[in-house]
Every structure is written in C-alpha cells, then in structure tokens.
Amino acid sequence: MHTSFEIPNGEETVMVELTVKEAMALSGGIRFRPESKVALNAKKKVQKVLENKMMPHGDHRRSLDV
C-alpha cells in the first residue's frame, strides 16, 4: 500500500550554504572517515533551513544541538 501526502509549498526553493566537502558528503559521491563530522554538519544545516522554512515562528519540536 502506497501512502502519499502533500507537502505545503513543496516546490519553493531554499538556500543552504555548504562547503564543498559538505556538498560532496551529501551527494554520496565521497565517503569521509567515520570520525569526520562533515556529513553530519551538512545534514544539520539542511535540517535547520527546512525547519525554519516550515516553522518560521520557532515552533521547532527538537533542537539541532543534539
């Protein structure tokens, strides 16, 4: 069974500033050492931008500083 849902304003663009290393880590083209936090930092940046876009008034359910 396939369930789909509509993402409000899903076609809008967002801007995320990433380093080249972070972009490479997210693209899956390069793997960094496990102790490297490059991919984790990049994911946090993207998540923060999405949370700010979807909940602009600070109604975030959890903190990114985990």
N, C-alpha and C. Protein backbone atom coordinates (compact mmCIF):
# COMPACT_ATOMS: atom_id res chain seq x y z
N MET A 1 0.85 -1.17 0.00
CA MET A 1 0.00 0.00 0.00
C MET A 1 0.90 1.24 0.00
N HIS A 2 0.65 2.12 -0.90
CA HIS A 2 1.45 3.34 -1.04
C HIS A 2 0.63 4.52 -0.51
N THR A 3 1.20 5.21 0.47
CA THR A 3 0.55 6.39 1.02
C THR A 3 1.34 7.62 0.62
N SER A 4 0.65 8.59 0.05
CA SER A 4 1.33 9.83 -0.32
C SER A 4 0.65 10.99 0.41
N PHE A 5 1.40 12.06 0.56
CA PHE A 5 0.86 13.24 1.21
C PHE A 5 1.42 14.47 0.51
N GLU A 6 0.71 15.55 0.65
CA GLU A 6 1.10 16.81 0.03
C GLU A 6 2.00 17.60 0.97
N ILE A 7 3.10 18.09 0.46
CA ILE A 7 4.00 18.95 1.23
C ILE A 7 3.66 20.38 0.86
N PRO A 8 3.16 21.15 1.83
CA PRO A 8 2.81 22.54 1.52
C PRO A 8 4.01 23.31 0.98
N ASN A 9 3.81 24.02 -0.10
CA ASN A 9 4.88 24.83 -0.72
C ASN A 9 6.09 23.98 -1.08
N GLY A 10 5.87 22.74 -1.42
CA GLY A 10 6.96 21.81 -1.71
C GLY A 10 7.81 22.15 -2.90
N GLU A 11 7.34 23.03 -3.75
CA GLU A 11 8.10 23.42 -4.95
C GLU A 11 8.91 24.70 -4.75
N GLU A 12 8.78 25.31 -3.58
CA GLU A 12 9.57 26.52 -3.29
C GLU A 12 11.04 26.16 -3.16
N THR A 13 11.91 27.12 -3.37
CA THR A 13 13.34 26.88 -3.22
C THR A 13 13.82 27.38 -1.87
N VAL A 14 14.89 26.76 -1.39
CA VAL A 14 15.55 27.19 -0.16
C VAL A 14 17.03 27.33 -0.47
N MET A 15 17.71 28.14 0.31
CA MET A 15 19.14 28.34 0.14
C MET A 15 19.87 27.76 1.35
N VAL A 16 20.85 26.91 1.08
CA VAL A 16 21.67 26.33 2.13
C VAL A 16 23.12 26.54 1.72
N GLU A 17 23.90 27.12 2.60
CA GLU A 17 25.31 27.34 2.30
C GLU A 17 26.12 26.18 2.86
N LEU A 18 26.75 25.42 1.95
CA LEU A 18 27.56 24.26 2.30
C LEU A 18 28.98 24.44 1.79
N THR A 19 29.92 23.85 2.49
CA THR A 19 31.29 23.79 1.97
C THR A 19 31.31 22.75 0.86
N VAL A 20 32.37 22.74 0.07
CA VAL A 20 32.50 21.74 -0.99
C VAL A 20 32.50 20.35 -0.37
N LYS A 21 33.21 20.17 0.74
CA LYS A 21 33.24 18.87 1.41
C LYS A 21 31.86 18.44 1.85
N GLU A 22 31.08 19.37 2.41
CA GLU A 22 29.73 19.04 2.88
C GLU A 22 28.84 18.63 1.72
N ALA A 23 28.94 19.36 0.60
CA ALA A 23 28.14 19.02 -0.58
C ALA A 23 28.53 17.64 -1.11
N MET A 24 29.81 17.36 -1.11
CA MET A 24 30.27 16.05 -1.57
C MET A 24 29.77 14.94 -0.66
N ALA A 25 29.78 15.19 0.64
CA ALA A 25 29.31 14.19 1.59
C ALA A 25 27.82 13.91 1.41
N LEU A 26 27.03 14.95 1.17
CA LEU A 26 25.59 14.77 0.98
C LEU A 26 25.25 14.11 -0.35
N SER A 27 26.06 14.37 -1.36
CA SER A 27 25.78 13.81 -2.68
C SER A 27 26.04 12.31 -2.72
N GLY A 28 26.77 11.81 -1.75
CA GLY A 28 27.06 10.38 -1.70
C GLY A 28 28.24 9.98 -2.56
N GLY A 29 28.87 10.95 -3.19
CA GLY A 29 29.98 10.64 -4.07
C GLY A 29 31.28 10.33 -3.34
N ILE A 30 31.44 10.86 -2.14
CA ILE A 30 32.67 10.66 -1.38
C ILE A 30 32.31 10.30 0.04
N ARG A 31 33.03 9.34 0.59
CA ARG A 31 32.84 8.96 1.99
C ARG A 31 34.03 9.47 2.79
N PHE A 32 33.72 10.11 3.89
CA PHE A 32 34.75 10.63 4.77
C PHE A 32 34.95 9.67 5.93
N ARG A 33 36.04 9.83 6.64
CA ARG A 33 36.32 8.99 7.80
C ARG A 33 35.12 8.99 8.74
N PRO A 34 34.86 7.88 9.41
CA PRO A 34 33.71 7.83 10.32
C PRO A 34 33.75 8.89 11.42
N GLU A 35 34.94 9.25 11.87
CA GLU A 35 35.02 10.26 12.94
C GLU A 35 34.85 11.68 12.42
N SER A 36 34.85 11.84 11.09
CA SER A 36 34.64 13.15 10.49
C SER A 36 33.17 13.52 10.63
N LYS A 37 32.92 14.77 10.93
CA LYS A 37 31.54 15.22 11.11
C LYS A 37 31.06 16.03 9.91
N VAL A 38 31.71 15.87 8.77
CA VAL A 38 31.36 16.64 7.58
C VAL A 38 29.91 16.38 7.17
N ALA A 39 29.53 15.13 7.01
CA ALA A 39 28.18 14.80 6.58
C ALA A 39 27.16 15.20 7.64
N LEU A 40 27.48 14.97 8.90
CA LEU A 40 26.57 15.32 9.99
C LEU A 40 26.31 16.83 10.02
N ASN A 41 27.37 17.62 9.88
CA ASN A 41 27.22 19.08 9.87
C ASN A 41 26.38 19.54 8.68
N ALA A 42 26.60 18.92 7.54
CA ALA A 42 25.83 19.30 6.34
C ALA A 42 24.36 18.97 6.53
N LYS A 43 24.06 17.80 7.08
CA LYS A 43 22.67 17.42 7.32
C LYS A 43 22.01 18.37 8.31
N LYS A 44 22.74 18.79 9.33
CA LYS A 44 22.19 19.72 10.31
C LYS A 44 21.86 21.06 9.66
N LYS A 45 22.73 21.52 8.76
CA LYS A 45 22.46 22.79 8.07
C LYS A 45 21.19 22.70 7.24
N VAL A 46 21.04 21.59 6.51
CA VAL A 46 19.86 21.42 5.67
C VAL A 46 18.61 21.32 6.54
N GLN A 47 18.70 20.54 7.62
CA GLN A 47 17.57 20.38 8.52
C GLN A 47 17.15 21.72 9.13
N LYS A 48 18.12 22.53 9.52
CA LYS A 48 17.82 23.82 10.13
C LYS A 48 17.09 24.73 9.14
N VAL A 49 17.55 24.76 7.90
CA VAL A 49 16.89 25.58 6.88
C VAL A 49 15.47 25.10 6.64
N LEU A 50 15.28 23.78 6.57
CA LEU A 50 13.94 23.24 6.36
C LEU A 50 13.01 23.55 7.53
N GLU A 51 13.52 23.41 8.74
CA GLU A 51 12.70 23.71 9.91
C GLU A 51 12.31 25.18 9.93
N ASN A 52 13.25 26.06 9.60
CA ASN A 52 12.95 27.49 9.57
C ASN A 52 11.94 27.82 8.48
N LYS A 53 12.00 27.10 7.37
CA LYS A 53 11.06 27.33 6.27
C LYS A 53 9.66 26.81 6.62
N MET A 54 9.60 25.63 7.23
CA MET A 54 8.31 25.00 7.52
C MET A 54 7.67 25.56 8.79
N MET A 55 8.50 25.99 9.75
CA MET A 55 8.00 26.52 11.02
C MET A 55 8.74 27.82 11.34
N PRO A 56 8.42 28.89 10.63
CA PRO A 56 9.19 30.14 10.76
C PRO A 56 9.07 30.84 12.12
N HIS A 57 8.11 30.45 12.93
CA HIS A 57 7.89 31.15 14.20
C HIS A 57 8.55 30.45 15.37
N GLY A 58 9.47 29.54 15.13
CA GLY A 58 10.22 28.92 16.21
C GLY A 58 9.50 27.78 16.91
N ASP A 59 8.52 27.17 16.27
CA ASP A 59 7.81 26.05 16.88
C ASP A 59 8.51 24.73 16.62
N HIS A 60 9.82 24.71 16.73
CA HIS A 60 10.59 23.51 16.44
C HIS A 60 10.41 22.51 17.57
N ARG A 61 10.19 21.27 17.21
CA ARG A 61 9.94 20.23 18.20
C ARG A 61 11.18 19.73 18.90
N ARG A 62 12.30 19.77 18.21
CA ARG A 62 13.53 19.32 18.85
C ARG A 62 14.68 20.20 18.39
N SER A 63 15.70 20.24 19.18
CA SER A 63 16.84 21.09 18.90
C SER A 63 17.82 20.36 17.99
N LEU A 64 18.56 21.11 17.18
CA LEU A 64 19.60 20.53 16.35
C LEU A 64 20.89 20.32 17.10
N ASP A 65 20.97 20.84 18.32
CA ASP A 65 22.20 20.74 19.08
C ASP A 65 22.24 19.44 19.88
N VAL A 66 22.00 18.33 19.23
CA VAL A 66 21.97 17.03 19.91
C VAL A 66 23.37 16.51 20.05
